[in-house]
Amino acid sequence: INQIDKEIVRKLNERAAVVLAIKELKSKAQIPLYDPRREEEIFENISEANEGPLFDDAVREVYERILHTMKDLEQK
């Protein structure tokens, strides 16, 4: 469990670094940061990738929190 938790934290930070890089690119190109279609695409992708035993609703709830945290990071 400890190793899995460390990997999750590493991957979340890796995702955050990519989010910040995309923020920079979007800023230079004057593209809005938030794209609701992209967010729905993320939810569709995670639902397709979910093989259980977690239910899709539970995975979506976790990802809603992840995306909220990433949006907060973009605002700083």
PDB file of N, CA and C in Angstrom:
ATOM      1  N   ILE A   1       0.834  -1.198   0.000  1.00  0.00           N
ATOM      2  CA  ILE A   1       0.000   0.000   0.000  1.00  0.00           C
ATOM      3  C   ILE A   1       0.869   1.249   0.000  1.00  0.00           C
ATOM      4  N   ASN A   2       1.917   1.270   0.827  1.00  0.00           N
ATOM      5  CA  ASN A   2       2.783   2.454   0.889  1.00  0.00           C
ATOM      6  C   ASN A   2       3.411   2.754  -0.471  1.00  0.00           C
ATOM      7  N   GLN A   3       3.849   1.737  -1.157  1.00  0.00           N
ATOM      8  CA  GLN A   3       4.469   1.922  -2.472  1.00  0.00           C
ATOM      9  C   GLN A   3       3.461   2.451  -3.486  1.00  0.00           C
ATOM     10  N   ILE A   4       2.264   1.923  -3.441  1.00  0.00           N
ATOM     11  CA  ILE A   4       1.204   2.394  -4.337  1.00  0.00           C
ATOM     12  C   ILE A   4       0.886   3.858  -4.045  1.00  0.00           C
ATOM     13  N   ASP A   5       0.784   4.215  -2.766  1.00  0.00           N
ATOM     14  CA  ASP A   5       0.514   5.606  -2.395  1.00  0.00           C
ATOM     15  C   ASP A   5       1.611   6.541  -2.900  1.00  0.00           C
ATOM     16  N   LYS A   6       2.850   6.118  -2.792  1.00  0.00           N
ATOM     17  CA  LYS A   6       3.966   6.934  -3.292  1.00  0.00           C
ATOM     18  C   LYS A   6       3.865   7.118  -4.797  1.00  0.00           C
ATOM     19  N   GLU A   7       3.481   6.064  -5.504  1.00  0.00           N
ATOM     20  CA  GLU A   7       3.333   6.139  -6.955  1.00  0.00           C
ATOM     21  C   GLU A   7       2.187   7.080  -7.337  1.00  0.00           C
ATOM     22  N   ILE A   8       1.099   7.027  -6.588  1.00  0.00           N
ATOM     23  CA  ILE A   8      -0.028   7.934  -6.854  1.00  0.00           C
ATOM     24  C   ILE A   8       0.415   9.380  -6.665  1.00  0.00           C
ATOM     25  N   VAL A   9       1.127   9.663  -5.593  1.00  0.00           N
ATOM     26  CA  VAL A   9       1.614  11.027  -5.346  1.00  0.00           C
ATOM     27  C   VAL A   9       2.570  11.457  -6.448  1.00  0.00           C
ATOM     28  N   ARG A  10       3.458  10.575  -6.867  1.00  0.00           N
ATOM     29  CA  ARG A  10       4.392  10.897  -7.950  1.00  0.00           C
ATOM     30  C   ARG A  10       3.630  11.225  -9.234  1.00  0.00           C
ATOM     31  N   LYS A  11       2.631  10.424  -9.560  1.00  0.00           N
ATOM     32  CA  LYS A  11       1.844  10.643 -10.772  1.00  0.00           C
ATOM     33  C   LYS A  11       1.018  11.931 -10.687  1.00  0.00           C
ATOM     34  N   LEU A  12       0.475  12.232  -9.515  1.00  0.00           N
ATOM     35  CA  LEU A  12      -0.270  13.487  -9.358  1.00  0.00           C
ATOM     36  C   LEU A  12       0.644  14.688  -9.575  1.00  0.00           C
ATOM     37  N   ASN A  13       1.858  14.628  -9.046  1.00  0.00           N
ATOM     38  CA  ASN A  13       2.799  15.723  -9.251  1.00  0.00           C
ATOM     39  C   ASN A  13       3.264  15.796 -10.710  1.00  0.00           C
ATOM     40  N   GLU A  14       3.399  14.657 -11.340  1.00  0.00           N
ATOM     41  CA  GLU A  14       3.735  14.629 -12.769  1.00  0.00           C
ATOM     42  C   GLU A  14       2.609  15.285 -13.579  1.00  0.00           C
ATOM     43  N   ARG A  15       1.372  14.973 -13.225  1.00  0.00           N
ATOM     44  CA  ARG A  15       0.219  15.573 -13.897  1.00  0.00           C
ATOM     45  C   ARG A  15       0.201  17.084 -13.672  1.00  0.00           C
ATOM     46  N   ALA A  16       0.477  17.507 -12.452  1.00  0.00           N
ATOM     47  CA  ALA A  16       0.497  18.938 -12.124  1.00  0.00           C
ATOM     48  C   ALA A  16       1.555  19.671 -12.943  1.00  0.00           C
ATOM     49  N   ALA A  17       2.715  19.068 -13.124  1.00  0.00           N
ATOM     50  CA  ALA A  17       3.775  19.691 -13.922  1.00  0.00           C
ATOM     51  C   ALA A  17       3.323  19.859 -15.376  1.00  0.00           C
ATOM     52  N   VAL A  18       2.629  18.874 -15.907  1.00  0.00           N
ATOM     53  CA  VAL A  18       2.115  18.967 -17.279  1.00  0.00           C
ATOM     54  C   VAL A  18       1.045  20.057 -17.360  1.00  0.00           C
ATOM     55  N   VAL A  19       0.177  20.124 -16.363  1.00  0.00           N
ATOM     56  CA  VAL A  19      -0.849  21.168 -16.322  1.00  0.00           C
ATOM     57  C   VAL A  19      -0.207  22.551 -16.366  1.00  0.00           C
ATOM     58  N   LEU A  20       0.855  22.744 -15.598  1.00  0.00           N
ATOM     59  CA  LEU A  20       1.536  24.041 -15.583  1.00  0.00           C
ATOM     60  C   LEU A  20       2.195  24.353 -16.925  1.00  0.00           C
ATOM     61  N   ALA A  21       2.739  23.340 -17.573  1.00  0.00           N
ATOM     62  CA  ALA A  21       3.341  23.535 -18.896  1.00  0.00           C
ATOM     63  C   ALA A  21       2.268  23.915 -19.915  1.00  0.00           C
ATOM     64  N   ILE A  22       1.131  23.255 -19.854  1.00  0.00           N
ATOM     65  CA  ILE A  22       0.026  23.572 -20.760  1.00  0.00           C
ATOM     66  C   ILE A  22      -0.498  24.973 -20.473  1.00  0.00           C
ATOM     67  N   LYS A  23      -0.558  25.331 -19.209  1.00  0.00           N
ATOM     68  CA  LYS A  23      -0.991  26.689 -18.836  1.00  0.00           C
ATOM     69  C   LYS A  23      -0.109  27.723 -19.525  1.00  0.00           C
ATOM     70  N   GLU A  24       1.179  27.505 -19.486  1.00  0.00           N
ATOM     71  CA  GLU A  24       2.130  28.427 -20.112  1.00  0.00           C
ATOM     72  C   GLU A  24       1.889  28.532 -21.623  1.00  0.00           C
ATOM     73  N   LEU A  25       1.708  27.396 -22.266  1.00  0.00           N
ATOM     74  CA  LEU A  25       1.461  27.383 -23.709  1.00  0.00           C
ATOM     75  C   LEU A  25       0.142  28.075 -24.060  1.00  0.00           C
ATOM     76  N   LYS A  26      -0.892  27.779 -23.295  1.00  0.00           N
ATOM     77  CA  LYS A  26      -2.189  28.406 -23.552  1.00  0.00           C
ATOM     78  C   LYS A  26      -2.125  29.913 -23.326  1.00  0.00           C
ATOM     79  N   SER A  27      -1.392  30.312 -22.319  1.00  0.00           N
ATOM     80  CA  SER A  27      -1.252  31.740 -22.031  1.00  0.00           C
ATOM     81  C   SER A  27      -0.579  32.460 -23.201  1.00  0.00           C
ATOM     82  N   LYS A  28       0.483  31.886 -23.708  1.00  0.00           N
ATOM     83  CA  LYS A  28       1.196  32.480 -24.844  1.00  0.00           C
ATOM     84  C   LYS A  28       0.320  32.536 -26.093  1.00  0.00           C
ATOM     85  N   ALA A  29      -0.524  31.524 -26.274  1.00  0.00           N
ATOM     86  CA  ALA A  29      -1.392  31.451 -27.447  1.00  0.00           C
ATOM     87  C   ALA A  29      -2.735  32.153 -27.206  1.00  0.00           C
ATOM     88  N   GLN A  30      -2.901  32.708 -26.022  1.00  0.00           N
ATOM     89  CA  GLN A  30      -4.143  33.386 -25.626  1.00  0.00           C
ATOM     90  C   GLN A  30      -5.371  32.482 -25.786  1.00  0.00           C
ATOM     91  N   ILE A  31      -5.215  31.263 -25.304  1.00  0.00           N
ATOM     92  CA  ILE A  31      -6.291  30.275 -25.303  1.00  0.00           C
ATOM     93  C   ILE A  31      -6.809  30.168 -23.872  1.00  0.00           C
ATOM     94  N   PRO A  32      -8.131  30.136 -23.680  1.00  0.00           N
ATOM     95  CA  PRO A  32      -8.668  29.994 -22.320  1.00  0.00           C
ATOM     96  C   PRO A  32      -8.163  28.722 -21.650  1.00  0.00           C
ATOM     97  N   LEU A  33      -7.916  28.818 -20.338  1.00  0.00           N
ATOM     98  CA  LEU A  33      -7.429  27.661 -19.598  1.00  0.00           C
ATOM     99  C   LEU A  33      -8.498  26.582 -19.461  1.00  0.00           C
ATOM    100  N   TYR A  34      -9.714  26.998 -19.162  1.00  0.00           N
ATOM    101  CA  TYR A  34     -10.775  26.029 -18.896  1.00  0.00           C
ATOM    102  C   TYR A  34     -11.527  25.674 -20.170  1.00  0.00           C
ATOM    103  N   ASP A  35     -11.685  24.378 -20.392  1.00  0.00           N
ATOM    104  CA  ASP A  35     -12.442  23.878 -21.530  1.00  0.00           C
ATOM    105  C   ASP A  35     -13.385  22.783 -21.020  1.00  0.00           C
ATOM    106  N   PRO A  36     -14.670  23.109 -20.859  1.00  0.00           N
ATOM    107  CA  PRO A  36     -15.593  22.115 -20.308  1.00  0.00           C
ATOM    108  C   PRO A  36     -15.684  20.841 -21.146  1.00  0.00           C
ATOM    109  N   ARG A  37     -15.492  20.958 -22.468  1.00  0.00           N
ATOM    110  CA  ARG A  37     -15.520  19.750 -23.311  1.00  0.00           C
ATOM    111  C   ARG A  37     -14.353  18.835 -22.961  1.00  0.00           C
ATOM    112  N   ARG A  38     -13.188  19.424 -22.695  1.00  0.00           N
ATOM    113  CA  ARG A  38     -12.018  18.619 -22.327  1.00  0.00           C
ATOM    114  C   ARG A  38     -12.260  17.908 -21.003  1.00  0.00           C
ATOM    115  N   GLU A  39     -12.899  18.604 -20.074  1.00  0.00           N
ATOM    116  CA  GLU A  39     -13.187  17.994 -18.783  1.00  0.00           C
ATOM    117  C   GLU A  39     -14.112  16.784 -18.953  1.00  0.00           C
ATOM    118  N   GLU A  40     -15.128  16.911 -19.771  1.00  0.00           N
ATOM    119  CA  GLU A  40     -16.021  15.782 -20.013  1.00  0.00           C
ATOM    120  C   GLU A  40     -15.283  14.635 -20.714  1.00  0.00           C
ATOM    121  N   GLU A  41     -14.360  14.992 -21.593  1.00  0.00           N
ATOM    122  CA  GLU A  41     -13.548  13.977 -22.265  1.00  0.00           C
ATOM    123  C   GLU A  41     -12.706  13.203 -21.248  1.00  0.00           C
ATOM    124  N   ILE A  42     -12.173  13.911 -20.271  1.00  0.00           N
ATOM    125  CA  ILE A  42     -11.395  13.256 -19.209  1.00  0.00           C
ATOM    126  C   ILE A  42     -12.282  12.265 -18.466  1.00  0.00           C
ATOM    127  N   PHE A  43     -13.495  12.700 -18.102  1.00  0.00           N
ATOM    128  CA  PHE A  43     -14.397  11.806 -17.379  1.00  0.00           C
ATOM    129  C   PHE A  43     -14.767  10.579 -18.220  1.00  0.00           C
ATOM    130  N   GLU A  44     -14.968  10.771 -19.502  1.00  0.00           N
ATOM    131  CA  GLU A  44     -15.260   9.638 -20.382  1.00  0.00           C
ATOM    132  C   GLU A  44     -14.072   8.679 -20.435  1.00  0.00           C
ATOM    133  N   ASN A  45     -12.867   9.243 -20.545  1.00  0.00           N
ATOM    134  CA  ASN A  45     -11.660   8.407 -20.610  1.00  0.00           C
ATOM    135  C   ASN A  45     -11.463   7.587 -19.345  1.00  0.00           C
ATOM    136  N   ILE A  46     -11.657   8.220 -18.189  1.00  0.00           N
ATOM    137  CA  ILE A  46     -11.446   7.466 -16.949  1.00  0.00           C
ATOM    138  C   ILE A  46     -12.529   6.404 -16.753  1.00  0.00           C
ATOM    139  N   SER A  47     -13.736   6.710 -17.210  1.00  0.00           N
ATOM    140  CA  SER A  47     -14.804   5.717 -17.115  1.00  0.00           C
ATOM    141  C   SER A  47     -14.484   4.502 -17.980  1.00  0.00           C
ATOM    142  N   GLU A  48     -13.976   4.749 -19.188  1.00  0.00           N
ATOM    143  CA  GLU A  48     -13.594   3.653 -20.078  1.00  0.00           C
ATOM    144  C   GLU A  48     -12.425   2.847 -19.520  1.00  0.00           C
ATOM    145  N   ALA A  49     -11.513   3.531 -18.833  1.00  0.00           N
ATOM    146  CA  ALA A  49     -10.327   2.860 -18.291  1.00  0.00           C
ATOM    147  C   ALA A  49     -10.621   2.098 -16.996  1.00  0.00           C
ATOM    148  N   ASN A  50     -11.714   2.438 -16.344  1.00  0.00           N
ATOM    149  CA  ASN A  50     -12.027   1.832 -15.052  1.00  0.00           C
ATOM    150  C   ASN A  50     -12.460   0.374 -15.214  1.00  0.00           C
ATOM    151  N   GLU A  51     -11.653  -0.512 -14.657  1.00  0.00           N
ATOM    152  CA  GLU A  51     -11.951  -1.947 -14.696  1.00  0.00           C
ATOM    153  C   GLU A  51     -12.434  -2.472 -13.351  1.00  0.00           C
ATOM    154  N   GLY A  52     -12.662  -1.548 -12.402  1.00  0.00           N
ATOM    155  CA  GLY A  52     -13.152  -1.949 -11.086  1.00  0.00           C
ATOM    156  C   GLY A  52     -12.030  -2.455 -10.204  1.00  0.00           C
ATOM    157  N   PRO A  53     -12.301  -2.692  -8.985  1.00  0.00           N
ATOM    158  CA  PRO A  53     -13.607  -2.843  -8.366  1.00  0.00           C
ATOM    159  C   PRO A  53     -14.304  -1.523  -7.997  1.00  0.00           C
ATOM    160  N   LEU A  54     -13.646  -0.383  -8.189  1.00  0.00           N
ATOM    161  CA  LEU A  54     -14.314   0.887  -7.906  1.00  0.00           C
ATOM    162  C   LEU A  54     -15.400   1.153  -8.938  1.00  0.00           C
ATOM    163  N   PHE A  55     -16.502   1.699  -8.472  1.00  0.00           N
ATOM    164  CA  PHE A  55     -17.576   2.096  -9.377  1.00  0.00           C
ATOM    165  C   PHE A  55     -17.191   3.380 -10.097  1.00  0.00           C
ATOM    166  N   ASP A  56     -17.731   3.582 -11.293  1.00  0.00           N
ATOM    167  CA  ASP A  56     -17.433   4.781 -12.077  1.00  0.00           C
ATOM    168  C   ASP A  56     -17.719   6.062 -11.295  1.00  0.00           C
ATOM    169  N   ASP A  57     -18.807   6.077 -10.534  1.00  0.00           N
ATOM    170  CA  ASP A  57     -19.151   7.274  -9.752  1.00  0.00           C
ATOM    171  C   ASP A  57     -18.054   7.615  -8.746  1.00  0.00           C
ATOM    172  N   ALA A  58     -17.473   6.594  -8.141  1.00  0.00           N
ATOM    173  CA  ALA A  58     -16.418   6.822  -7.153  1.00  0.00           C
ATOM    174  C   ALA A  58     -15.164   7.367  -7.821  1.00  0.00           C
ATOM    175  N   VAL A  59     -14.812   6.802  -8.977  1.00  0.00           N
ATOM    176  CA  VAL A  59     -13.634   7.263  -9.704  1.00  0.00           C
ATOM    177  C   VAL A  59     -13.856   8.693 -10.178  1.00  0.00           C
ATOM    178  N   ARG A  60     -15.051   8.979 -10.666  1.00  0.00           N
ATOM    179  CA  ARG A  60     -15.357  10.343 -11.120  1.00  0.00           C
ATOM    180  C   ARG A  60     -15.236  11.327  -9.963  1.00  0.00           C
ATOM    181  N   GLU A  61     -15.709  10.952  -8.800  1.00  0.00           N
ATOM    182  CA  GLU A  61     -15.619  11.821  -7.622  1.00  0.00           C
ATOM    183  C   GLU A  61     -14.160  12.145  -7.288  1.00  0.00           C
ATOM    184  N   VAL A  62     -13.307  11.143  -7.338  1.00  0.00           N
ATOM    185  CA  VAL A  62     -11.882  11.361  -7.088  1.00  0.00           C
ATOM    186  C   VAL A  62     -11.312  12.316  -8.138  1.00  0.00           C
ATOM    187  N   TYR A  63     -11.659  12.082  -9.397  1.00  0.00           N
ATOM    188  CA  TYR A  63     -11.146  12.927 -10.475  1.00  0.00           C
ATOM    189  C   TYR A  63     -11.693  14.341 -10.425  1.00  0.00           C
ATOM    190  N   GLU A  64     -12.925  14.509  -9.969  1.00  0.00           N
ATOM    191  CA  GLU A  64     -13.452  15.867  -9.796  1.00  0.00           C
ATOM    192  C   GLU A  64     -12.578  16.643  -8.829  1.00  0.00           C
ATOM    193  N   ARG A  65     -12.157  15.978  -7.774  1.00  0.00           N
ATOM    194  CA  ARG A  65     -11.288  16.628  -6.788  1.00  0.00           C
ATOM    195  C   ARG A  65      -9.910  16.909  -7.392  1.00  0.00           C
ATOM    196  N   ILE A  66      -9.375  15.965  -8.139  1.00  0.00           N
ATOM    197  CA  ILE A  66      -8.082  16.159  -8.792  1.00  0.00           C
ATOM    198  C   ILE A  66      -8.150  17.357  -9.735  1.00  0.00           C
ATOM    199  N   LEU A  67      -9.184  17.417 -10.559  1.00  0.00           N
ATOM    200  CA  LEU A  67      -9.312  18.524 -11.511  1.00  0.00           C
ATOM    201  C   LEU A  67      -9.493  19.856 -10.798  1.00  0.00           C
ATOM    202  N   HIS A  68     -10.238  19.855  -9.702  1.00  0.00           N
ATOM    203  CA  HIS A  68     -10.400  21.078  -8.916  1.00  0.00           C
ATOM    204  C   HIS A  68      -9.047  21.548  -8.372  1.00  0.00           C
ATOM    205  N   THR A  69      -8.266  20.615  -7.882  1.00  0.00           N
ATOM    206  CA  THR A  69      -6.939  20.942  -7.358  1.00  0.00           C
ATOM    207  C   THR A  69      -6.032  21.475  -8.461  1.00  0.00           C
ATOM    208  N   MET A  70      -6.109  20.887  -9.638  1.00  0.00           N
ATOM    209  CA  MET A  70      -5.299  21.351 -10.767  1.00  0.00           C
ATOM    210  C   MET A  70      -5.725  22.754 -11.204  1.00  0.00           C
ATOM    211  N   LYS A  71      -7.027  23.036 -11.187  1.00  0.00           N
ATOM    212  CA  LYS A  71      -7.510  24.378 -11.521  1.00  0.00           C
ATOM    213  C   LYS A  71      -6.979  25.401 -10.518  1.00  0.00           C
ATOM    214  N   ASP A  72      -6.991  25.018  -9.235  1.00  0.00           N
ATOM    215  CA  ASP A  72      -6.428  25.898  -8.200  1.00  0.00           C
ATOM    216  C   ASP A  72      -4.954  26.186  -8.465  1.00  0.00           C
ATOM    217  N   LEU A  73      -4.223  25.173  -8.879  1.00  0.00           N
ATOM    218  CA  LEU A  73      -2.809  25.325  -9.180  1.00  0.00           C
ATOM    219  C   LEU A  73      -2.606  26.290 -10.338  1.00  0.00           C
ATOM    220  N   GLU A  74      -3.457  26.202 -11.340  1.00  0.00           N
ATOM    221  CA  GLU A  74      -3.368  27.095 -12.499  1.00  0.00           C
ATOM    222  C   GLU A  74      -3.598  28.562 -12.123  1.00  0.00           C
ATOM    223  N   GLN A  75      -4.392  28.781 -11.089  1.00  0.00           N
ATOM    224  CA  GLN A  75      -4.736  30.136 -10.691  1.00  0.00           C
ATOM    225  C   GLN A  75      -3.626  30.827  -9.896  1.00  0.00           C
ATOM    226  N   LYS A  76      -2.661  30.067  -9.442  1.00  0.00           N
ATOM    227  CA  LYS A  76      -1.579  30.648  -8.622  1.00  0.00           C
ATOM    228  C   LYS A  76      -0.454  31.154  -9.469  1.00  0.00           C
TER     229      LYS A  76
END
